[in-house]
Amino acid sequence: MTSAPGKGSQPTPALLFETLRGYQHAFALKTAVELDLFTTIAKTKGTLPEIAKSCAVPERSARILCDHFAVVGFLSKNNGAYRLTPDSAAFLDSRSPAYMGKAVNFLLHANQFQNFQQLTETIRKGVPAKDGFEPDDPMWVEFARGMAPMMFPAAQAMAQYLKPHLAGAAAQGPRYCGQPRRIRHRHRSAKFQSADLRAGLGERATDS
């Protein structure tokens, strides 16, 4: 983000326009995820004909979208071919265990925006707006699954912390976004009990 102007500097509208155009980057990313653009580039040589064919879009559309991501930093471009950056390879290639694309539908869902569209009225009344999703909305399941990769580092740290304390004993704690699975990957003796999202995720209350 553009830094605040220093003392004595001339006023600039750069931060204003950067803020107003922020949604453009978000929805371009949503489109790329829906087209599986980043996975396509990772699986091919990253040429426009390959990308356009795999994503089923005109080459002109593919070029505009890819150039956008090359400018903002999600892709690199060399001799007309596009490649993923390390961050894009980790979080936007659907074959990656850290893939974050599934979180996009939740974070950019229309329900998430309706409260912001009424923000002025909310501020005037001083009363929080209604949540975008009901507690039992299936979208929460998508959220949990989509955000699971974000919890991987925390789960790894928990596994290291619990290692000397397990020694065959059962460890009980809350389930959140797949952490027990990642801990159990390292420590087969660990057991977890929870009812969080078990109905939506189709899993048992006790997962050993």
C-alpha atoms as a PDB file:
ATOM      1  CA  MET A   1       0.000   0.000   0.000  1.00  0.00           C
ATOM      2  CA  THR A   2       1.155   3.535  -0.665  1.00  0.00           C
ATOM      3  CA  SER A   3       2.810   5.066   2.387  1.00  0.00           C
ATOM      4  CA  ALA A   4       1.579   8.291   3.918  1.00  0.00           C
ATOM      5  CA  PRO A   5       3.198  11.413   2.467  1.00  0.00           C
ATOM      6  CA  GLY A   6       6.096  12.791   4.427  1.00  0.00           C
ATOM      7  CA  LYS A   7       6.174  16.182   6.084  1.00  0.00           C
ATOM      8  CA  GLY A   8       6.423  18.949   3.511  1.00  0.00           C
ATOM      9  CA  SER A   9       5.607  16.703   0.529  1.00  0.00           C
ATOM     10  CA  GLN A  10       3.024  17.614  -2.092  1.00  0.00           C
ATOM     11  CA  PRO A  11      -0.481  16.124  -1.711  1.00  0.00           C
ATOM     12  CA  THR A  12      -1.133  13.131  -3.953  1.00  0.00           C
ATOM     13  CA  PRO A  13      -4.344  11.184  -4.712  1.00  0.00           C
ATOM     14  CA  ALA A  14      -2.374   7.924  -5.079  1.00  0.00           C
ATOM     15  CA  LEU A  15      -3.614   6.393  -1.822  1.00  0.00           C
ATOM     16  CA  LEU A  16      -7.183   7.484  -2.589  1.00  0.00           C
ATOM     17  CA  PHE A  17      -7.245   5.765  -5.976  1.00  0.00           C
ATOM     18  CA  GLU A  18      -5.374   2.725  -4.678  1.00  0.00           C
ATOM     19  CA  THR A  19      -8.070   2.281  -2.024  1.00  0.00           C
ATOM     20  CA  LEU A  20     -10.972   2.844  -4.411  1.00  0.00           C
ATOM     21  CA  ARG A  21      -9.596   0.314  -6.894  1.00  0.00           C
ATOM     22  CA  GLY A  22      -8.847  -2.378  -4.322  1.00  0.00           C
ATOM     23  CA  TYR A  23     -11.910  -4.415  -5.249  1.00  0.00           C
ATOM     24  CA  GLN A  24     -10.607  -4.809  -8.802  1.00  0.00           C
ATOM     25  CA  HIS A  25      -7.675  -6.940  -7.670  1.00  0.00           C
ATOM     26  CA  ALA A  26      -9.948  -9.076  -5.510  1.00  0.00           C
ATOM     27  CA  PHE A  27     -12.437  -9.857  -8.271  1.00  0.00           C
ATOM     28  CA  ALA A  28      -9.704 -10.449 -10.836  1.00  0.00           C
ATOM     29  CA  LEU A  29      -8.288 -13.026  -8.428  1.00  0.00           C
ATOM     30  CA  LYS A  30     -11.732 -14.588  -8.006  1.00  0.00           C
ATOM     31  CA  THR A  31     -12.004 -14.943 -11.779  1.00  0.00           C
ATOM     32  CA  ALA A  32      -8.554 -16.512 -11.998  1.00  0.00           C
ATOM     33  CA  VAL A  33      -9.441 -19.048  -9.318  1.00  0.00           C
ATOM     34  CA  GLU A  34     -12.738 -19.916 -11.001  1.00  0.00           C
ATOM     35  CA  LEU A  35     -10.881 -20.480 -14.298  1.00  0.00           C
ATOM     36  CA  ASP A  36      -8.101 -22.404 -12.498  1.00  0.00           C
ATOM     37  CA  LEU A  37      -5.687 -20.042 -14.231  1.00  0.00           C
ATOM     38  CA  PHE A  38      -2.746 -20.523 -11.888  1.00  0.00           C
ATOM     39  CA  THR A  39      -2.927 -24.303 -12.012  1.00  0.00           C
ATOM     40  CA  THR A  40      -3.046 -24.152 -15.800  1.00  0.00           C
ATOM     41  CA  ILE A  41       0.086 -22.025 -15.927  1.00  0.00           C
ATOM     42  CA  ALA A  42       1.863 -24.365 -13.510  1.00  0.00           C
ATOM     43  CA  LYS A  43       0.990 -27.416 -15.641  1.00  0.00           C
ATOM     44  CA  THR A  44       1.976 -25.898 -18.997  1.00  0.00           C
ATOM     45  CA  LYS A  45       4.703 -23.752 -20.519  1.00  0.00           C
ATOM     46  CA  GLY A  46       2.574 -20.723 -19.736  1.00  0.00           C
ATOM     47  CA  THR A  47       1.995 -19.575 -23.304  1.00  0.00           C
ATOM     48  CA  LEU A  48      -1.176 -17.723 -24.227  1.00  0.00           C
ATOM     49  CA  PRO A  49      -2.497 -20.407 -26.605  1.00  0.00           C
ATOM     50  CA  GLU A  50      -2.105 -23.054 -23.880  1.00  0.00           C
ATOM     51  CA  ILE A  51      -3.708 -20.887 -21.218  1.00  0.00           C
ATOM     52  CA  ALA A  52      -6.602 -19.817 -23.440  1.00  0.00           C
ATOM     53  CA  LYS A  53      -7.342 -23.385 -24.527  1.00  0.00           C
ATOM     54  CA  SER A  54      -7.212 -24.868 -21.043  1.00  0.00           C
ATOM     55  CA  CYS A  55      -9.288 -22.084 -19.474  1.00  0.00           C
ATOM     56  CA  ALA A  56     -11.699 -21.997 -22.433  1.00  0.00           C
ATOM     57  CA  VAL A  57     -11.341 -18.237 -22.958  1.00  0.00           C
ATOM     58  CA  PRO A  58     -10.202 -16.073 -25.899  1.00  0.00           C
ATOM     59  CA  GLU A  59      -6.459 -15.413 -26.063  1.00  0.00           C
ATOM     60  CA  ARG A  60      -7.094 -11.700 -25.664  1.00  0.00           C
ATOM     61  CA  SER A  61      -8.933 -12.306 -22.392  1.00  0.00           C
ATOM     62  CA  ALA A  62      -6.166 -14.600 -21.167  1.00  0.00           C
ATOM     63  CA  ARG A  63      -3.514 -12.001 -22.003  1.00  0.00           C
ATOM     64  CA  ILE A  64      -5.334  -9.181 -20.205  1.00  0.00           C
ATOM     65  CA  LEU A  65      -5.876 -11.275 -17.088  1.00  0.00           C
ATOM     66  CA  CYS A  66      -2.336 -12.663 -17.025  1.00  0.00           C
ATOM     67  CA  ASP A  67      -0.778  -9.246 -17.631  1.00  0.00           C
ATOM     68  CA  HIS A  68      -2.799  -7.895 -14.718  1.00  0.00           C
ATOM     69  CA  PHE A  69      -1.345 -10.523 -12.405  1.00  0.00           C
ATOM     70  CA  ALA A  70       2.139  -9.963 -13.772  1.00  0.00           C
ATOM     71  CA  VAL A  71       1.814  -6.288 -12.842  1.00  0.00           C
ATOM     72  CA  VAL A  72       0.481  -6.895  -9.317  1.00  0.00           C
ATOM     73  CA  GLY A  73       2.982  -9.669  -8.582  1.00  0.00           C
ATOM     74  CA  PHE A  74       1.140 -12.986  -8.803  1.00  0.00           C
ATOM     75  CA  LEU A  75       2.872 -13.962 -12.064  1.00  0.00           C
ATOM     76  CA  SER A  76       6.133 -13.317 -13.842  1.00  0.00           C
ATOM     77  CA  LYS A  77       6.355 -12.838 -17.613  1.00  0.00           C
ATOM     78  CA  ASN A  78       9.301 -13.608 -19.858  1.00  0.00           C
ATOM     79  CA  ASN A  79       9.309 -13.761 -23.672  1.00  0.00           C
ATOM     80  CA  GLY A  80       5.531 -13.888 -23.775  1.00  0.00           C
ATOM     81  CA  ALA A  81       5.234 -16.812 -21.334  1.00  0.00           C
ATOM     82  CA  TYR A  82       3.897 -16.614 -17.780  1.00  0.00           C
ATOM     83  CA  ARG A  83       5.160 -18.418 -14.684  1.00  0.00           C
ATOM     84  CA  LEU A  84       3.945 -18.594 -11.087  1.00  0.00           C
ATOM     85  CA  THR A  85       5.749 -16.751  -8.324  1.00  0.00           C
ATOM     86  CA  PRO A  86       6.663 -18.792  -5.209  1.00  0.00           C
ATOM     87  CA  ASP A  87       3.622 -17.397  -3.376  1.00  0.00           C
ATOM     88  CA  SER A  88       1.262 -18.218  -6.237  1.00  0.00           C
ATOM     89  CA  ALA A  89       2.701 -21.724  -6.543  1.00  0.00           C
ATOM     90  CA  ALA A  90       2.126 -22.333  -2.840  1.00  0.00           C
ATOM     91  CA  PHE A  91      -1.347 -20.837  -2.446  1.00  0.00           C
ATOM     92  CA  LEU A  92      -3.006 -20.671  -5.876  1.00  0.00           C
ATOM     93  CA  ASP A  93      -2.006 -23.906  -7.604  1.00  0.00           C
ATOM     94  CA  SER A  94      -4.916 -26.248  -6.806  1.00  0.00           C
ATOM     95  CA  ARG A  95      -2.510 -29.191  -6.563  1.00  0.00           C
ATOM     96  CA  SER A  96      -0.654 -27.594  -3.653  1.00  0.00           C
ATOM     97  CA  PRO A  97      -1.465 -28.766  -0.091  1.00  0.00           C
ATOM     98  CA  ALA A  98      -1.498 -25.080   0.901  1.00  0.00           C
ATOM     99  CA  TYR A  99      -4.041 -24.129  -1.799  1.00  0.00           C
ATOM    100  CA  MET A 100      -6.165 -21.169  -0.682  1.00  0.00           C
ATOM    101  CA  GLY A 101      -8.479 -20.906  -3.673  1.00  0.00           C
ATOM    102  CA  LYS A 102     -11.393 -22.532  -1.860  1.00  0.00           C
ATOM    103  CA  ALA A 103     -11.495 -19.614   0.555  1.00  0.00           C
ATOM    104  CA  VAL A 104     -12.167 -17.179  -2.282  1.00  0.00           C
ATOM    105  CA  ASN A 105     -15.850 -18.070  -2.703  1.00  0.00           C
ATOM    106  CA  PHE A 106     -16.455 -17.391   0.981  1.00  0.00           C
ATOM    107  CA  LEU A 107     -14.399 -14.215   1.316  1.00  0.00           C
ATOM    108  CA  LEU A 108     -15.809 -12.714  -1.902  1.00  0.00           C
ATOM    109  CA  HIS A 109     -19.360 -13.997  -1.564  1.00  0.00           C
ATOM    110  CA  ALA A 110     -22.121 -11.437  -2.201  1.00  0.00           C
ATOM    111  CA  ASN A 111     -23.299 -11.827   1.404  1.00  0.00           C
ATOM    112  CA  GLN A 112     -19.946 -10.524   2.589  1.00  0.00           C
ATOM    113  CA  PHE A 113     -20.436  -7.274   0.715  1.00  0.00           C
ATOM    114  CA  GLN A 114     -24.010  -6.400   1.578  1.00  0.00           C
ATOM    115  CA  ASN A 115     -23.101  -5.043   5.016  1.00  0.00           C
ATOM    116  CA  PHE A 116     -20.353  -2.863   3.577  1.00  0.00           C
ATOM    117  CA  GLN A 117     -22.840  -1.432   1.108  1.00  0.00           C
ATOM    118  CA  GLN A 118     -24.907  -0.316   4.115  1.00  0.00           C
ATOM    119  CA  LEU A 119     -21.944   0.803   6.212  1.00  0.00           C
ATOM    120  CA  THR A 120     -22.936   4.475   6.281  1.00  0.00           C
ATOM    121  CA  GLU A 121     -26.333   3.626   7.780  1.00  0.00           C
ATOM    122  CA  THR A 122     -24.717   1.227  10.241  1.00  0.00           C
ATOM    123  CA  ILE A 123     -22.323   3.924  11.442  1.00  0.00           C
ATOM    124  CA  ARG A 124     -25.186   6.407  11.822  1.00  0.00           C
ATOM    125  CA  LYS A 125     -27.270   3.995  13.897  1.00  0.00           C
ATOM    126  CA  GLY A 126     -24.366   2.600  15.866  1.00  0.00           C
ATOM    127  CA  VAL A 127     -25.870  -0.895  15.620  1.00  0.00           C
ATOM    128  CA  PRO A 128     -23.915  -3.802  14.099  1.00  0.00           C
ATOM    129  CA  ALA A 129     -25.360  -5.158  10.871  1.00  0.00           C
ATOM    130  CA  LYS A 130     -26.685  -8.693  10.628  1.00  0.00           C
ATOM    131  CA  ASP A 131     -24.122 -11.375   9.831  1.00  0.00           C
ATOM    132  CA  GLY A 132     -23.896 -12.264   6.160  1.00  0.00           C
ATOM    133  CA  PHE A 133     -24.441 -15.990   6.780  1.00  0.00           C
ATOM    134  CA  GLU A 134     -26.760 -17.885   9.093  1.00  0.00           C
ATOM    135  CA  PRO A 135     -24.979 -20.165  11.604  1.00  0.00           C
ATOM    136  CA  ASP A 136     -26.021 -23.316   9.737  1.00  0.00           C
ATOM    137  CA  ASP A 137     -25.259 -22.008   6.248  1.00  0.00           C
ATOM    138  CA  PRO A 138     -23.289 -24.593   4.202  1.00  0.00           C
ATOM    139  CA  MET A 139     -20.899 -21.804   3.228  1.00  0.00           C
ATOM    140  CA  TRP A 140     -19.298 -22.093   6.685  1.00  0.00           C
ATOM    141  CA  VAL A 141     -18.218 -25.601   5.730  1.00  0.00           C
ATOM    142  CA  GLU A 142     -16.623 -24.226   2.581  1.00  0.00           C
ATOM    143  CA  PHE A 143     -14.935 -21.596   4.729  1.00  0.00           C
ATOM    144  CA  ALA A 144     -13.510 -24.205   7.087  1.00  0.00           C
ATOM    145  CA  ARG A 145     -12.202 -26.323   4.256  1.00  0.00           C
ATOM    146  CA  GLY A 146     -10.862 -23.355   2.358  1.00  0.00           C
ATOM    147  CA  MET A 147      -9.021 -21.850   5.308  1.00  0.00           C
ATOM    148  CA  ALA A 148      -7.470 -25.135   6.468  1.00  0.00           C
ATOM    149  CA  PRO A 149      -4.144 -24.487   4.669  1.00  0.00           C
ATOM    150  CA  MET A 150      -3.680 -21.294   6.676  1.00  0.00           C
ATOM    151  CA  MET A 151      -3.626 -23.386   9.841  1.00  0.00           C
ATOM    152  CA  PHE A 152      -0.895 -25.729   8.614  1.00  0.00           C
ATOM    153  CA  PRO A 153       2.022 -23.795  10.240  1.00  0.00           C
ATOM    154  CA  ALA A 154       0.086 -23.508  13.526  1.00  0.00           C
ATOM    155  CA  ALA A 155      -0.770 -27.205  13.432  1.00  0.00           C
ATOM    156  CA  GLN A 156       2.877 -28.083  12.841  1.00  0.00           C
ATOM    157  CA  ALA A 157       3.876 -25.930  15.815  1.00  0.00           C
ATOM    158  CA  MET A 158       1.219 -27.614  17.974  1.00  0.00           C
ATOM    159  CA  ALA A 159       2.536 -31.012  16.939  1.00  0.00           C
ATOM    160  CA  GLN A 160       6.031 -30.082  18.045  1.00  0.00           C
ATOM    161  CA  TYR A 161       4.741 -28.695  21.338  1.00  0.00           C
ATOM    162  CA  LEU A 162       2.606 -31.757  22.106  1.00  0.00           C
ATOM    163  CA  LYS A 163       5.217 -34.308  21.090  1.00  0.00           C
ATOM    164  CA  PRO A 164       6.824 -34.742  24.532  1.00  0.00           C
ATOM    165  CA  HIS A 165       3.424 -34.830  26.266  1.00  0.00           C
ATOM    166  CA  LEU A 166       1.651 -37.442  24.170  1.00  0.00           C
ATOM    167  CA  ALA A 167       3.492 -40.707  24.786  1.00  0.00           C
ATOM    168  CA  GLY A 168       0.383 -42.714  23.996  1.00  0.00           C
ATOM    169  CA  ALA A 169      -2.012 -40.574  26.036  1.00  0.00           C
ATOM    170  CA  ALA A 170      -5.169 -39.153  24.494  1.00  0.00           C
ATOM    171  CA  ALA A 171      -5.090 -35.433  23.768  1.00  0.00           C
ATOM    172  CA  GLN A 172      -8.457 -33.697  23.742  1.00  0.00           C
ATOM    173  CA  GLY A 173      -9.007 -30.258  22.273  1.00  0.00           C
ATOM    174  CA  PRO A 174     -11.068 -28.215  19.830  1.00  0.00           C
ATOM    175  CA  ARG A 175     -10.990 -29.054  16.176  1.00  0.00           C
ATOM    176  CA  TYR A 176     -10.361 -26.129  13.939  1.00  0.00           C
ATOM    177  CA  CYS A 177      -9.839 -26.234  10.211  1.00  0.00           C
ATOM    178  CA  GLY A 178      -8.075 -29.594  10.041  1.00  0.00           C
ATOM    179  CA  GLN A 179      -5.436 -29.129  12.755  1.00  0.00           C
ATOM    180  CA  PRO A 180      -5.917 -32.580  14.337  1.00  0.00           C
ATOM    181  CA  ARG A 181      -5.298 -34.279  11.021  1.00  0.00           C
ATOM    182  CA  ARG A 182      -2.011 -32.462  10.594  1.00  0.00           C
ATOM    183  CA  ILE A 183      -0.930 -33.214  14.160  1.00  0.00           C
ATOM    184  CA  ARG A 184      -1.961 -36.841  13.779  1.00  0.00           C
ATOM    185  CA  HIS A 185       0.129 -37.001  10.608  1.00  0.00           C
ATOM    186  CA  ARG A 186       3.165 -36.670  12.859  1.00  0.00           C
ATOM    187  CA  HIS A 187       1.863 -38.347  16.004  1.00  0.00           C
ATOM    188  CA  ARG A 188      -0.276 -41.398  15.347  1.00  0.00           C
ATOM    189  CA  SER A 189      -1.101 -41.862  19.035  1.00  0.00           C
ATOM    190  CA  ALA A 190      -2.941 -38.527  19.300  1.00  0.00           C
ATOM    191  CA  LYS A 191      -6.730 -38.574  19.620  1.00  0.00           C
ATOM    192  CA  PHE A 192      -9.126 -35.631  19.368  1.00  0.00           C
ATOM    193  CA  GLN A 193     -12.731 -35.137  20.340  1.00  0.00           C
ATOM    194  CA  SER A 194     -14.981 -32.385  19.111  1.00  0.00           C
ATOM    195  CA  ALA A 195     -18.378 -31.769  17.547  1.00  0.00           C
ATOM    196  CA  ASP A 196     -17.351 -28.670  15.584  1.00  0.00           C
ATOM    197  CA  LEU A 197     -18.761 -28.819  12.061  1.00  0.00           C
ATOM    198  CA  ARG A 198     -19.084 -32.605  12.305  1.00  0.00           C
ATOM    199  CA  ALA A 199     -22.512 -32.614  10.647  1.00  0.00           C
ATOM    200  CA  GLY A 200     -21.489 -30.360   7.791  1.00  0.00           C
ATOM    201  CA  LEU A 201     -18.134 -32.022   7.248  1.00  0.00           C
ATOM    202  CA  GLY A 202     -19.600 -35.499   7.569  1.00  0.00           C
ATOM    203  CA  GLU A 203     -17.113 -36.597  10.212  1.00  0.00           C
ATOM    204  CA  ARG A 204     -17.391 -38.412  13.505  1.00  0.00           C
ATOM    205  CA  ALA A 205     -17.332 -36.597  16.837  1.00  0.00           C
ATOM    206  CA  THR A 206     -14.366 -38.739  17.879  1.00  0.00           C
ATOM    207  CA  ASP A 207     -11.639 -38.891  15.259  1.00  0.00           C
ATOM    208  CA  SER A 208      -8.747 -41.045  16.285  1.00  0.00           C
END
